[in-house]
C-alpha atoms as a PDB file:
ATOM      1  CA  UNK A   1     -13.019  15.427 -15.332  1.00  0.00           C
ATOM      2  CA  UNK A   2      -9.753  17.195 -14.717  1.00  0.00           C
ATOM      3  CA  UNK A   3      -8.694  15.039 -11.792  1.00  0.00           C
ATOM      4  CA  UNK A   4      -8.821  11.275 -12.391  1.00  0.00           C
ATOM      5  CA  UNK A   5      -7.530  10.548  -8.891  1.00  0.00           C
ATOM      6  CA  UNK A   6     -10.524  12.302  -7.391  1.00  0.00           C
ATOM      7  CA  UNK A   7     -12.925  10.179  -9.413  1.00  0.00           C
ATOM      8  CA  UNK A   8     -11.091   6.983  -8.500  1.00  0.00           C
ATOM      9  CA  UNK A   9     -11.128   8.033  -4.847  1.00  0.00           C
ATOM     10  CA  UNK A  10     -14.909   8.570  -4.925  1.00  0.00           C
ATOM     11  CA  UNK A  11     -15.437   5.205  -6.624  1.00  0.00           C
ATOM     12  CA  UNK A  12     -13.214   3.519  -4.031  1.00  0.00           C
ATOM     13  CA  UNK A  13     -15.100   5.134  -1.138  1.00  0.00           C
ATOM     14  CA  UNK A  14     -18.458   4.102  -2.652  1.00  0.00           C
ATOM     15  CA  UNK A  15     -17.212   0.540  -3.195  1.00  0.00           C
ATOM     16  CA  UNK A  16     -15.917   0.399   0.380  1.00  0.00           C
ATOM     17  CA  UNK A  17     -19.297   1.599   1.641  1.00  0.00           C
ATOM     18  CA  UNK A  18     -21.218  -1.039  -0.327  1.00  0.00           C
ATOM     19  CA  UNK A  19     -18.870  -3.873   0.615  1.00  0.00           C
ATOM     20  CA  UNK A  20     -18.944  -2.899   4.285  1.00  0.00           C
ATOM     21  CA  UNK A  21     -22.734  -2.691   4.234  1.00  0.00           C
ATOM     22  CA  UNK A  22     -22.972  -6.127   2.597  1.00  0.00           C
ATOM     23  CA  UNK A  23     -20.560  -7.706   5.088  1.00  0.00           C
ATOM     24  CA  UNK A  24     -22.406  -6.222   8.067  1.00  0.00           C
ATOM     25  CA  UNK A  25     -25.788  -7.354   6.714  1.00  0.00           C
ATOM     26  CA  UNK A  26     -24.440 -10.872   6.141  1.00  0.00           C
ATOM     27  CA  UNK A  27     -22.971 -10.993   9.641  1.00  0.00           C
ATOM     28  CA  UNK A  28     -26.196  -9.772  11.247  1.00  0.00           C
ATOM     29  CA  UNK A  29     -28.179 -12.392   9.322  1.00  0.00           C
ATOM     30  CA  UNK A  30     -25.793 -15.115  10.479  1.00  0.00           C
ATOM     31  CA  UNK A  31     -25.973 -13.858  14.068  1.00  0.00           C
ATOM     32  CA  UNK A  32     -29.793 -13.893  14.067  1.00  0.00           C
ATOM     33  CA  UNK A  33     -29.862 -17.412  12.630  1.00  0.00           C
ATOM     34  CA  UNK A  34     -27.322 -18.621  15.203  1.00  0.00           C
ATOM     35  CA  UNK A  35     -29.327 -17.118  18.087  1.00  0.00           C
ATOM     36  CA  UNK A  36     -32.514 -18.693  16.754  1.00  0.00           C
ATOM     37  CA  UNK A  37     -30.994 -22.174  16.597  1.00  0.00           C
ATOM     38  CA  UNK A  38     -29.324 -21.713  19.986  1.00  0.00           C
ATOM     39  CA  UNK A  39     -32.649 -20.725  21.542  1.00  0.00           C
ATOM     40  CA  UNK A  40     -34.396 -23.709  19.971  1.00  0.00           C
ATOM     41  CA  UNK A  41     -31.703 -26.024  21.284  1.00  0.00           C
ATOM     42  CA  UNK A  42     -32.081 -24.665  24.825  1.00  0.00           C
ATOM     43  CA  UNK A  43     -35.855 -24.992  24.587  1.00  0.00           C
ATOM     44  CA  UNK A  44     -35.608 -28.623  23.453  1.00  0.00           C
ATOM     45  CA  UNK A  45     -33.101 -29.482  26.170  1.00  0.00           C
ATOM     46  CA  UNK A  46     -35.395 -27.963  28.797  1.00  0.00           C
ATOM     47  CA  UNK A  47     -38.388 -29.883  27.384  1.00  0.00           C
ATOM     48  CA  UNK A  48     -36.401 -33.119  27.425  1.00  0.00           C
ATOM     49  CA  UNK A  49     -35.343 -32.591  31.037  1.00  0.00           C
ATOM     50  CA  UNK A  50     -38.953 -31.895  32.021  1.00  0.00           C
ATOM     51  CA  UNK A  51     -40.164 -34.996  30.166  1.00  0.00           C
ATOM     52  CA  UNK A  52     -37.540 -37.199  31.796  1.00  0.00           C
ATOM     53  CA  UNK A  53     -38.438 -35.759  35.187  1.00  0.00           C
ATOM     54  CA  UNK A  54     -42.097 -36.524  34.577  1.00  0.00           C
ATOM     55  CA  UNK A  55     -41.302 -40.093  33.478  1.00  0.00           C
ATOM     56  CA  UNK A  56     -39.131 -40.582  36.556  1.00  0.00           C
ATOM     57  CA  UNK A  57     -41.800 -39.225  38.922  1.00  0.00           C
ATOM     58  CA  UNK A  58     -44.456 -41.411  37.256  1.00  0.00           C
ATOM     59  CA  UNK A  59     -42.301 -44.528  37.669  1.00  0.00           C
ATOM     60  CA  UNK A  60     -41.575 -43.719  41.354  1.00  0.00           C
ATOM     61  CA  UNK A  61     -45.309 -43.305  42.070  1.00  0.00           C
ATOM     62  CA  UNK A  62     -46.121 -46.694  40.545  1.00  0.00           C
END
């Protein structure tokens, strides 16, 4: 190649593209995992509140 700077520029752009793609994929994976665990936590809290309400209503009826 006649122009080494041009080749280095293309390599740098390609590397930037791959690194950016990797970082975005990692972030999206983390975000999905966080939302999954957050949803499970809310579901378990709701189930616990319902169970405690049922126990309380059963003890009041007795």
